[in-house]
PDB file of all heavy atoms in Angstrom:
ATOM      1  N   MET A   1      12.364  80.137 -37.435  1.00  0.00           N
ATOM      2  CA  MET A   1      11.921  79.519 -36.197  1.00  0.00           C
ATOM      3  C   MET A   1      12.775  79.992 -35.019  1.00  0.00           C
ATOM      4  O   MET A   1      12.279  80.329 -33.964  1.00  0.00           O
ATOM      5  CB  MET A   1      12.000  77.993 -36.300  1.00  0.00           C
ATOM      6  CG  MET A   1      11.014  77.400 -37.279  1.00  0.00           C
ATOM      7  SD  MET A   1       9.337  77.652 -36.680  1.00  0.00           S
ATOM      8  CE  MET A   1       9.419  76.649 -35.230  1.00  0.00           C
ATOM      9  N   ARG A   2      14.106  80.023 -35.233  1.00  0.00           N
ATOM     10  CA  ARG A   2      14.984  80.402 -34.144  1.00  0.00           C
ATOM     11  C   ARG A   2      14.766  81.870 -33.758  1.00  0.00           C
ATOM     12  O   ARG A   2      14.700  82.225 -32.574  1.00  0.00           O
ATOM     13  CB  ARG A   2      16.442  80.164 -34.532  1.00  0.00           C
ATOM     14  CG  ARG A   2      17.409  80.449 -33.368  1.00  0.00           C
ATOM     15  CD  ARG A   2      18.821  80.022 -33.754  1.00  0.00           C
ATOM     16  NE  ARG A   2      19.745  80.289 -32.680  1.00  0.00           N
ATOM     17  CZ  ARG A   2      19.922  79.526 -31.625  1.00  0.00           C
ATOM     18  NH1 ARG A   2      19.176  78.450 -31.497  1.00  0.00           N
ATOM     19  NH2 ARG A   2      20.787  79.833 -30.691  1.00  0.00           N
ATOM     20  N   SER A   3      14.596  82.739 -34.791  1.00  0.00           N
ATOM     21  CA  SER A   3      14.395  84.148 -34.495  1.00  0.00           C
ATOM     22  C   SER A   3      13.099  84.360 -33.730  1.00  0.00           C
ATOM     23  O   SER A   3      13.013  85.207 -32.838  1.00  0.00           O
ATOM     24  CB  SER A   3      14.400  84.969 -35.783  1.00  0.00           C
ATOM     25  OG  SER A   3      13.320  84.579 -36.604  1.00  0.00           O
ATOM     26  N   ALA A   4      12.054  83.607 -34.083  1.00  0.00           N
ATOM     27  CA  ALA A   4      10.784  83.731 -33.376  1.00  0.00           C
ATOM     28  C   ALA A   4      10.943  83.328 -31.917  1.00  0.00           C
ATOM     29  O   ALA A   4      10.387  83.941 -31.006  1.00  0.00           O
ATOM     30  CB  ALA A   4       9.716  82.864 -34.045  1.00  0.00           C
ATOM     31  N   ARG A   5      11.743  82.297 -31.698  1.00  0.00           N
ATOM     32  CA  ARG A   5      11.928  81.830 -30.328  1.00  0.00           C
ATOM     33  C   ARG A   5      12.714  82.850 -29.511  1.00  0.00           C
ATOM     34  O   ARG A   5      12.384  83.153 -28.370  1.00  0.00           O
ATOM     35  CB  ARG A   5      12.645  80.489 -30.326  1.00  0.00           C
ATOM     36  CG  ARG A   5      12.712  79.890 -28.905  1.00  0.00           C
ATOM     37  CD  ARG A   5      13.388  78.558 -28.916  1.00  0.00           C
ATOM     38  NE  ARG A   5      13.367  78.014 -27.558  1.00  0.00           N
ATOM     39  CZ  ARG A   5      14.092  76.981 -27.192  1.00  0.00           C
ATOM     40  NH1 ARG A   5      14.853  76.372 -28.074  1.00  0.00           N
ATOM     41  NH2 ARG A   5      14.036  76.538 -25.956  1.00  0.00           N
ATOM     42  N   TRP A   6      13.750  83.389 -30.114  1.00  0.00           N
ATOM     43  CA  TRP A   6      14.518  84.410 -29.402  1.00  0.00           C
ATOM     44  C   TRP A   6      13.671  85.634 -29.121  1.00  0.00           C
ATOM     45  O   TRP A   6      13.850  86.320 -28.122  1.00  0.00           O
ATOM     46  CB  TRP A   6      15.770  84.784 -30.195  1.00  0.00           C
ATOM     47  CG  TRP A   6      16.886  83.807 -29.963  1.00  0.00           C
ATOM     48  CD1 TRP A   6      17.280  82.811 -30.771  1.00  0.00           C
ATOM     49  CD2 TRP A   6      17.713  83.727 -28.791  1.00  0.00           C
ATOM     50  NE1 TRP A   6      18.317  82.110 -30.218  1.00  0.00           N
ATOM     51  CE2 TRP A   6      18.607  82.642 -28.994  1.00  0.00           C
ATOM     52  CE3 TRP A   6      17.790  84.461 -27.611  1.00  0.00           C
ATOM     53  CZ2 TRP A   6      19.566  82.287 -28.056  1.00  0.00           C
ATOM     54  CZ3 TRP A   6      18.747  84.098 -26.681  1.00  0.00           C
ATOM     55  CH2 TRP A   6      19.622  83.026 -26.904  1.00  0.00           C
ATOM     56  N   ARG A   7      12.736  85.945 -30.023  1.00  0.00           N
ATOM     57  CA  ARG A   7      11.829  87.062 -29.797  1.00  0.00           C
ATOM     58  C   ARG A   7      11.034  86.833 -28.517  1.00  0.00           C
ATOM     59  O   ARG A   7      10.864  87.741 -27.693  1.00  0.00           O
ATOM     60  CB  ARG A   7      10.884  87.206 -30.999  1.00  0.00           C
ATOM     61  CG  ARG A   7       9.720  88.178 -30.791  1.00  0.00           C
ATOM     62  CD  ARG A   7      10.201  89.580 -30.627  1.00  0.00           C
ATOM     63  NE  ARG A   7       9.087  90.507 -30.650  1.00  0.00           N
ATOM     64  CZ  ARG A   7       9.148  91.745 -30.212  1.00  0.00           C
ATOM     65  NH1 ARG A   7      10.286  92.223 -29.722  1.00  0.00           N
ATOM     66  NH2 ARG A   7       8.082  92.531 -30.261  1.00  0.00           N
ATOM     67  N   LEU A   8      10.508  85.623 -28.311  1.00  0.00           N
ATOM     68  CA  LEU A   8       9.739  85.358 -27.114  1.00  0.00           C
ATOM     69  C   LEU A   8      10.626  85.334 -25.881  1.00  0.00           C
ATOM     70  O   LEU A   8      10.222  85.744 -24.801  1.00  0.00           O
ATOM     71  CB  LEU A   8       8.961  84.043 -27.231  1.00  0.00           C
ATOM     72  CG  LEU A   8       8.038  83.826 -26.022  1.00  0.00           C
ATOM     73  CD1 LEU A   8       6.891  84.823 -26.072  1.00  0.00           C
ATOM     74  CD2 LEU A   8       7.541  82.431 -25.949  1.00  0.00           C
ATOM     75  N   LEU A   9      11.870  84.835 -26.014  1.00  0.00           N
ATOM     76  CA  LEU A   9      12.771  84.848 -24.875  1.00  0.00           C
ATOM     77  C   LEU A   9      13.003  86.267 -24.381  1.00  0.00           C
ATOM     78  O   LEU A   9      13.091  86.524 -23.177  1.00  0.00           O
ATOM     79  CB  LEU A   9      14.110  84.190 -25.255  1.00  0.00           C
ATOM     80  CG  LEU A   9      14.057  82.669 -25.427  1.00  0.00           C
ATOM     81  CD1 LEU A   9      15.375  82.165 -25.983  1.00  0.00           C
ATOM     82  CD2 LEU A   9      13.755  81.985 -24.115  1.00  0.00           C
ATOM     83  N   TRP A  10      13.066  87.222 -25.320  1.00  0.00           N
ATOM     84  CA  TRP A  10      13.166  88.632 -24.914  1.00  0.00           C
ATOM     85  C   TRP A  10      11.855  89.081 -24.282  1.00  0.00           C
ATOM     86  O   TRP A  10      11.845  89.742 -23.250  1.00  0.00           O
ATOM     87  CB  TRP A  10      13.473  89.486 -26.138  1.00  0.00           C
ATOM     88  CG  TRP A  10      13.282  90.951 -25.872  1.00  0.00           C
ATOM     89  CD1 TRP A  10      14.137  91.788 -25.233  1.00  0.00           C
ATOM     90  CD2 TRP A  10      12.135  91.725 -26.226  1.00  0.00           C
ATOM     91  NE1 TRP A  10      13.597  93.043 -25.164  1.00  0.00           N
ATOM     92  CE2 TRP A  10      12.374  93.041 -25.766  1.00  0.00           C
ATOM     93  CE3 TRP A  10      10.943  91.454 -26.893  1.00  0.00           C
ATOM     94  CZ2 TRP A  10      11.472  94.057 -25.954  1.00  0.00           C
ATOM     95  CZ3 TRP A  10      10.044  92.464 -27.069  1.00  0.00           C
ATOM     96  CH2 TRP A  10      10.309  93.744 -26.611  1.00  0.00           C
ATOM     97  N   LEU A  11      10.726  88.700 -24.874  1.00  0.00           N
ATOM     98  CA  LEU A  11       9.422  89.125 -24.389  1.00  0.00           C
ATOM     99  C   LEU A  11       9.144  88.587 -22.997  1.00  0.00           C
ATOM    100  O   LEU A  11       8.643  89.283 -22.134  1.00  0.00           O
ATOM    101  CB  LEU A  11       8.327  88.645 -25.356  1.00  0.00           C
ATOM    102  CG  LEU A  11       6.872  88.908 -24.947  1.00  0.00           C
ATOM    103  CD1 LEU A  11       6.620  90.406 -24.897  1.00  0.00           C
ATOM    104  CD2 LEU A  11       5.925  88.228 -25.907  1.00  0.00           C
ATOM    105  N   LEU A  12       9.502  87.333 -22.750  1.00  0.00           N
ATOM    106  CA  LEU A  12       9.254  86.692 -21.460  1.00  0.00           C
ATOM    107  C   LEU A  12      10.566  86.465 -20.730  1.00  0.00           C
ATOM    108  O   LEU A  12      10.797  85.417 -20.126  1.00  0.00           O
ATOM    109  CB  LEU A  12       8.516  85.357 -21.653  1.00  0.00           C
ATOM    110  CG  LEU A  12       7.183  85.431 -22.386  1.00  0.00           C
ATOM    111  CD1 LEU A  12       6.587  84.030 -22.517  1.00  0.00           C
ATOM    112  CD2 LEU A  12       6.223  86.336 -21.660  1.00  0.00           C
ATOM    113  N   GLY A  13      11.454  87.451 -20.773  1.00  0.00           N
ATOM    114  CA  GLY A  13      12.794  87.302 -20.234  1.00  0.00           C
ATOM    115  C   GLY A  13      12.820  86.893 -18.783  1.00  0.00           C
ATOM    116  O   GLY A  13      13.705  86.161 -18.341  1.00  0.00           O
ATOM    117  N   SER A  14      11.856  87.366 -17.987  1.00  0.00           N
ATOM    118  CA  SER A  14      11.872  87.050 -16.572  1.00  0.00           C
ATOM    119  C   SER A  14      11.347  85.653 -16.280  1.00  0.00           C
ATOM    120  O   SER A  14      11.289  85.230 -15.139  1.00  0.00           O
ATOM    121  CB  SER A  14      11.028  88.072 -15.810  1.00  0.00           C
ATOM    122  OG  SER A  14       9.703  88.057 -16.273  1.00  0.00           O
ATOM    123  N   ALA A  15      10.938  84.921 -17.319  1.00  0.00           N
ATOM    124  CA  ALA A  15      10.403  83.579 -17.092  1.00  0.00           C
ATOM    125  C   ALA A  15      11.491  82.567 -16.773  1.00  0.00           C
ATOM    126  O   ALA A  15      11.218  81.458 -16.382  1.00  0.00           O
ATOM    127  CB  ALA A  15       9.627  83.117 -18.327  1.00  0.00           C
ATOM    128  N   GLY A  16      12.773  82.943 -16.943  1.00  0.00           N
ATOM    129  CA  GLY A  16      13.848  82.021 -16.656  1.00  0.00           C
ATOM    130  C   GLY A  16      14.049  80.982 -17.727  1.00  0.00           C
ATOM    131  O   GLY A  16      14.629  79.928 -17.471  1.00  0.00           O
ATOM    132  N   CYS A  17      13.544  81.205 -18.954  1.00  0.00           N
ATOM    133  CA  CYS A  17      13.694  80.248 -20.040  1.00  0.00           C
ATOM    134  C   CYS A  17      15.069  80.391 -20.675  1.00  0.00           C
ATOM    135  O   CYS A  17      15.597  81.502 -20.805  1.00  0.00           O
ATOM    136  CB  CYS A  17      12.616  80.473 -21.101  1.00  0.00           C
ATOM    137  SG  CYS A  17      10.947  80.396 -20.428  1.00  0.00           S
ATOM    138  N   VAL A  18      15.642  79.294 -21.085  1.00  0.00           N
ATOM    139  CA  VAL A  18      16.946  79.326 -21.742  1.00  0.00           C
ATOM    140  C   VAL A  18      16.890  78.500 -22.998  1.00  0.00           C
ATOM    141  O   VAL A  18      16.152  77.518 -23.087  1.00  0.00           O
ATOM    142  CB  VAL A  18      18.055  78.781 -20.805  1.00  0.00           C
ATOM    143  CG1 VAL A  18      18.226  79.682 -19.607  1.00  0.00           C
ATOM    144  CG2 VAL A  18      17.755  77.355 -20.359  1.00  0.00           C
ATOM    145  N   PRO A  19      17.677  78.853 -24.051  1.00  0.00           N
ATOM    146  CA  PRO A  19      17.671  78.075 -25.284  1.00  0.00           C
ATOM    147  C   PRO A  19      18.091  76.640 -25.017  1.00  0.00           C
ATOM    148  O   PRO A  19      18.965  76.359 -24.190  1.00  0.00           O
ATOM    149  CB  PRO A  19      18.693  78.811 -26.165  1.00  0.00           C
ATOM    150  CG  PRO A  19      18.766  80.195 -25.580  1.00  0.00           C
ATOM    151  CD  PRO A  19      18.552  80.024 -24.114  1.00  0.00           C
ATOM    152  N   GLY A  20      17.424  75.730 -25.718  1.00  0.00           N
ATOM    153  CA  GLY A  20      17.801  74.334 -25.640  1.00  0.00           C
ATOM    154  C   GLY A  20      17.166  73.577 -24.500  1.00  0.00           C
ATOM    155  O   GLY A  20      17.461  72.406 -24.304  1.00  0.00           O
ATOM    156  N   MET A  21      16.327  74.258 -23.702  1.00  0.00           N
ATOM    157  CA  MET A  21      15.708  73.553 -22.586  1.00  0.00           C
ATOM    158  C   MET A  21      14.811  72.455 -23.131  1.00  0.00           C
ATOM    159  O   MET A  21      14.190  72.595 -24.174  1.00  0.00           O
ATOM    160  CB  MET A  21      14.908  74.529 -21.709  1.00  0.00           C
ATOM    161  CG  MET A  21      13.712  75.148 -22.370  1.00  0.00           C
ATOM    162  SD  MET A  21      12.923  76.399 -21.358  1.00  0.00           S
ATOM    163  CE  MET A  21      12.349  75.415 -19.993  1.00  0.00           C
ATOM    164  N   SER A  22      14.748  71.360 -22.409  1.00  0.00           N
ATOM    165  CA  SER A  22      13.946  70.237 -22.861  1.00  0.00           C
ATOM    166  C   SER A  22      12.523  70.396 -22.357  1.00  0.00           C
ATOM    167  O   SER A  22      12.236  71.184 -21.473  1.00  0.00           O
ATOM    168  CB  SER A  22      14.542  68.923 -22.338  1.00  0.00           C
ATOM    169  OG  SER A  22      14.546  68.927 -20.922  1.00  0.00           O
ATOM    170  N   GLY A  23      11.633  69.578 -22.891  1.00  0.00           N
ATOM    171  CA  GLY A  23      10.241  69.635 -22.494  1.00  0.00           C
ATOM    172  C   GLY A  23       9.360  69.405 -23.693  1.00  0.00           C
ATOM    173  O   GLY A  23       9.816  69.439 -24.839  1.00  0.00           O
ATOM    174  N   PRO A  24       8.075  69.166 -23.464  1.00  0.00           N
ATOM    175  CA  PRO A  24       7.162  68.883 -24.562  1.00  0.00           C
ATOM    176  C   PRO A  24       6.936  70.096 -25.435  1.00  0.00           C
ATOM    177  O   PRO A  24       6.886  71.222 -24.961  1.00  0.00           O
ATOM    178  CB  PRO A  24       5.866  68.472 -23.845  1.00  0.00           C
ATOM    179  CG  PRO A  24       5.961  69.113 -22.506  1.00  0.00           C
ATOM    180  CD  PRO A  24       7.410  69.135 -22.157  1.00  0.00           C
ATOM    181  N   THR A  25       6.813  69.876 -26.719  1.00  0.00           N
ATOM    182  CA  THR A  25       6.535  70.940 -27.674  1.00  0.00           C
ATOM    183  C   THR A  25       5.666  70.381 -28.782  1.00  0.00           C
ATOM    184  O   THR A  25       5.701  69.179 -29.058  1.00  0.00           O
ATOM    185  CB  THR A  25       7.848  71.498 -28.263  1.00  0.00           C
ATOM    186  OG1 THR A  25       7.549  72.608 -29.096  1.00  0.00           O
ATOM    187  CG2 THR A  25       8.581  70.460 -29.081  1.00  0.00           C
ATOM    188  N   PRO A  26       4.842  71.181 -29.410  1.00  0.00           N
ATOM    189  CA  PRO A  26       4.017  70.650 -30.501  1.00  0.00           C
ATOM    190  C   PRO A  26       4.876  70.055 -31.616  1.00  0.00           C
ATOM    191  O   PRO A  26       5.975  70.534 -31.891  1.00  0.00           O
ATOM    192  CB  PRO A  26       3.258  71.890 -30.990  1.00  0.00           C
ATOM    193  CG  PRO A  26       3.267  72.817 -29.823  1.00  0.00           C
ATOM    194  CD  PRO A  26       4.568  72.570 -29.133  1.00  0.00           C
ATOM    195  N   ARG A  27       4.385  68.998 -32.258  1.00  0.00           N
ATOM    196  CA  ARG A  27       5.096  68.413 -33.384  1.00  0.00           C
ATOM    197  C   ARG A  27       5.279  69.454 -34.484  1.00  0.00           C
ATOM    198  O   ARG A  27       4.474  70.354 -34.644  1.00  0.00           O
ATOM    199  CB  ARG A  27       4.303  67.216 -33.952  1.00  0.00           C
ATOM    200  CG  ARG A  27       4.164  66.046 -32.996  1.00  0.00           C
ATOM    201  CD  ARG A  27       3.378  64.934 -33.663  1.00  0.00           C
ATOM    202  NE  ARG A  27       3.083  63.862 -32.748  1.00  0.00           N
ATOM    203  CZ  ARG A  27       3.902  62.853 -32.506  1.00  0.00           C
ATOM    204  NH1 ARG A  27       5.078  62.790 -33.113  1.00  0.00           N
ATOM    205  NH2 ARG A  27       3.545  61.902 -31.659  1.00  0.00           N
ATOM    206  N   LEU A  28       6.346  69.257 -35.249  1.00  0.00           N
ATOM    207  CA  LEU A  28       6.670  70.222 -36.291  1.00  0.00           C
ATOM    208  C   LEU A  28       5.523  70.387 -37.270  1.00  0.00           C
ATOM    209  O   LEU A  28       5.172  71.499 -37.660  1.00  0.00           O
ATOM    210  CB  LEU A  28       7.941  69.786 -37.027  1.00  0.00           C
ATOM    211  CG  LEU A  28       8.472  70.752 -38.078  1.00  0.00           C
ATOM    212  CD1 LEU A  28       8.793  72.089 -37.446  1.00  0.00           C
ATOM    213  CD2 LEU A  28       9.704  70.171 -38.763  1.00  0.00           C
ATOM    214  N   ASP A  29       4.887  69.252 -37.674  1.00  0.00           N
ATOM    215  CA  ASP A  29       3.806  69.370 -38.640  1.00  0.00           C
ATOM    216  C   ASP A  29       2.606  70.077 -38.035  1.00  0.00           C
ATOM    217  O   ASP A  29       1.896  70.819 -38.719  1.00  0.00           O
ATOM    218  CB  ASP A  29       3.401  67.984 -39.170  1.00  0.00           C
ATOM    219  CG  ASP A  29       3.001  67.013 -38.070  1.00  0.00           C
ATOM    220  OD1 ASP A  29       3.315  67.283 -36.896  1.00  0.00           O
ATOM    221  OD2 ASP A  29       2.372  65.990 -38.399  1.00  0.00           O
ATOM    222  N   GLU A  30       2.370  69.882 -36.760  1.00  0.00           N
ATOM    223  CA  GLU A  30       1.290  70.590 -36.098  1.00  0.00           C
ATOM    224  C   GLU A  30       1.553  72.085 -36.055  1.00  0.00           C
ATOM    225  O   GLU A  30       0.658  72.892 -36.263  1.00  0.00           O
ATOM    226  CB  GLU A  30       1.103  70.072 -34.674  1.00  0.00           C
ATOM    227  CG  GLU A  30       0.389  68.738 -34.560  1.00  0.00           C
ATOM    228  CD  GLU A  30       0.023  68.454 -33.122  1.00  0.00           C
ATOM    229  OE1 GLU A  30       0.931  68.533 -32.265  1.00  0.00           O
ATOM    230  OE2 GLU A  30      -1.147  68.179 -32.850  1.00  0.00           O
ATOM    231  N   ARG A  31       2.792  72.455 -35.780  1.00  0.00           N
ATOM    232  CA  ARG A  31       3.150  73.870 -35.724  1.00  0.00           C
ATOM    233  C   ARG A  31       2.957  74.511 -37.098  1.00  0.00           C
ATOM    234  O   ARG A  31       2.403  75.607 -37.205  1.00  0.00           O
ATOM    235  CB  ARG A  31       4.606  74.026 -35.272  1.00  0.00           C
ATOM    236  CG  ARG A  31       4.867  73.582 -33.853  1.00  0.00           C
ATOM    237  CD  ARG A  31       6.350  73.420 -33.596  1.00  0.00           C
ATOM    238  NE  ARG A  31       7.054  74.675 -33.754  1.00  0.00           N
ATOM    239  CZ  ARG A  31       7.333  75.512 -32.753  1.00  0.00           C
ATOM    240  NH1 ARG A  31       6.951  75.207 -31.528  1.00  0.00           N
ATOM    241  NH2 ARG A  31       7.988  76.632 -32.976  1.00  0.00           N
ATOM    242  N   ALA A  32       3.405  73.836 -38.139  1.00  0.00           N
ATOM    243  CA  ALA A  32       3.254  74.366 -39.494  1.00  0.00           C
ATOM    244  C   ALA A  32       1.785  74.453 -39.866  1.00  0.00           C
ATOM    245  O   ALA A  32       1.340  75.436 -40.480  1.00  0.00           O
ATOM    246  CB  ALA A  32       4.015  73.490 -40.487  1.00  0.00           C
ATOM    247  N   GLU A  33       1.020  73.436 -39.492  1.00  0.00           N
ATOM    248  CA  GLU A  33      -0.410  73.447 -39.797  1.00  0.00           C
ATOM    249  C   GLU A  33      -1.113  74.573 -39.047  1.00  0.00           C
ATOM    250  O   GLU A  33      -1.975  75.258 -39.598  1.00  0.00           O
ATOM    251  CB  GLU A  33      -1.037  72.108 -39.419  1.00  0.00           C
ATOM    252  CG  GLU A  33      -2.527  72.032 -39.737  1.00  0.00           C
ATOM    253  CD  GLU A  33      -3.159  70.735 -39.270  1.00  0.00           C
ATOM    254  OE1 GLU A  33      -2.455  69.919 -38.630  1.00  0.00           O
ATOM    255  OE2 GLU A  33      -4.356  70.545 -39.532  1.00  0.00           O
ATOM    256  N   LEU A  34      -0.719  74.788 -37.782  1.00  0.00           N
ATOM    257  CA  LEU A  34      -1.305  75.858 -36.999  1.00  0.00           C
ATOM    258  C   LEU A  34      -1.054  77.211 -37.656  1.00  0.00           C
ATOM    259  O   LEU A  34      -1.978  78.022 -37.812  1.00  0.00           O
ATOM    260  CB  LEU A  34      -0.716  75.849 -35.582  1.00  0.00           C
ATOM    261  CG  LEU A  34      -1.200  76.974 -34.657  1.00  0.00           C
ATOM    262  CD1 LEU A  34      -2.677  76.794 -34.310  1.00  0.00           C
ATOM    263  CD2 LEU A  34      -0.344  77.017 -33.381  1.00  0.00           C
ATOM    264  N   ARG A  35       0.186  77.447 -38.071  1.00  0.00           N
ATOM    265  CA  ARG A  35       0.504  78.718 -38.726  1.00  0.00           C
ATOM    266  C   ARG A  35      -0.290  78.876 -40.021  1.00  0.00           C
ATOM    267  O   ARG A  35      -0.811  79.953 -40.325  1.00  0.00           O
ATOM    268  CB  ARG A  35       2.000  78.809 -39.007  1.00  0.00           C
ATOM    269  CG  ARG A  35       2.854  78.957 -37.762  1.00  0.00           C
ATOM    270  CD  ARG A  35       4.263  79.393 -38.121  1.00  0.00           C
ATOM    271  NE  ARG A  35       4.914  78.432 -39.011  1.00  0.00           N
ATOM    272  CZ  ARG A  35       5.594  77.369 -38.591  1.00  0.00           C
ATOM    273  NH1 ARG A  35       5.702  77.135 -37.279  1.00  0.00           N
ATOM    274  NH2 ARG A  35       6.180  76.553 -39.436  1.00  0.00           N
ATOM    275  N   HIS A  36      -0.377  77.794 -40.776  1.00  0.00           N
ATOM    276  CA  HIS A  36      -1.091  77.842 -42.057  1.00  0.00           C
ATOM    277  C   HIS A  36      -2.575  78.146 -41.832  1.00  0.00           C
ATOM    278  O   HIS A  36      -3.164  78.981 -42.543  1.00  0.00           O
ATOM    279  CB  HIS A  36      -0.931  76.514 -42.797  1.00  0.00           C
ATOM    280  CG  HIS A  36      -1.778  76.424 -44.042  1.00  0.00           C
ATOM    281  ND1 HIS A  36      -1.508  77.144 -45.187  1.00  0.00           N
ATOM    282  CD2 HIS A  36      -2.910  75.710 -44.300  1.00  0.00           C
ATOM    283  CE1 HIS A  36      -2.416  76.873 -46.096  1.00  0.00           C
ATOM    284  NE2 HIS A  36      -3.292  76.010 -45.578  1.00  0.00           N
ATOM    285  N   VAL A  37      -3.188  77.486 -40.842  1.00  0.00           N
ATOM    286  CA  VAL A  37      -4.619  77.680 -40.583  1.00  0.00           C
ATOM    287  C   VAL A  37      -4.883  79.119 -40.147  1.00  0.00           C
ATOM    288  O   VAL A  37      -5.816  79.769 -40.633  1.00  0.00           O
ATOM    289  CB  VAL A  37      -5.105  76.680 -39.516  1.00  0.00           C
ATOM    290  CG1 VAL A  37      -6.503  77.070 -39.019  1.00  0.00           C
ATOM    291  CG2 VAL A  37      -5.132  75.261 -40.083  1.00  0.00           C
ATOM    292  N   ILE A  38      -4.058  79.639 -39.246  1.00  0.00           N
ATOM    293  CA  ILE A  38      -4.291  81.005 -38.766  1.00  0.00           C
ATOM    294  C   ILE A  38      -4.049  82.010 -39.886  1.00  0.00           C
ATOM    295  O   ILE A  38      -4.839  82.948 -40.077  1.00  0.00           O
ATOM    296  CB  ILE A  38      -3.406  81.307 -37.543  1.00  0.00           C
ATOM    297  CG1 ILE A  38      -3.764  80.381 -36.382  1.00  0.00           C
ATOM    298  CG2 ILE A  38      -3.584  82.762 -37.116  1.00  0.00           C
ATOM    299  CD1 ILE A  38      -2.895  80.546 -35.156  1.00  0.00           C
ATOM    300  N   ASP A  39      -2.973  81.819 -40.642  1.00  0.00           N
ATOM    301  CA  ASP A  39      -2.719  82.710 -41.784  1.00  0.00           C
ATOM    302  C   ASP A  39      -3.912  82.725 -42.732  1.00  0.00           C
ATOM    303  O   ASP A  39      -4.327  83.790 -43.221  1.00  0.00           O
ATOM    304  CB  ASP A  39      -1.468  82.264 -42.545  1.00  0.00           C
ATOM    305  CG  ASP A  39      -0.173  82.629 -41.838  1.00  0.00           C
ATOM    306  OD1 ASP A  39      -0.206  83.495 -40.945  1.00  0.00           O
ATOM    307  OD2 ASP A  39       0.872  82.035 -42.182  1.00  0.00           O
TER     308      ASP A  39
END
């Protein structure tokens, strides 16, 4: 999970995103279900 996030931070580097920033995010089970459904 962390490596995937760092990958996007590199991809969207100019977005001004930093690790640990707060804000809404999908629930963990939703994220896992999303990955499972797409896979």
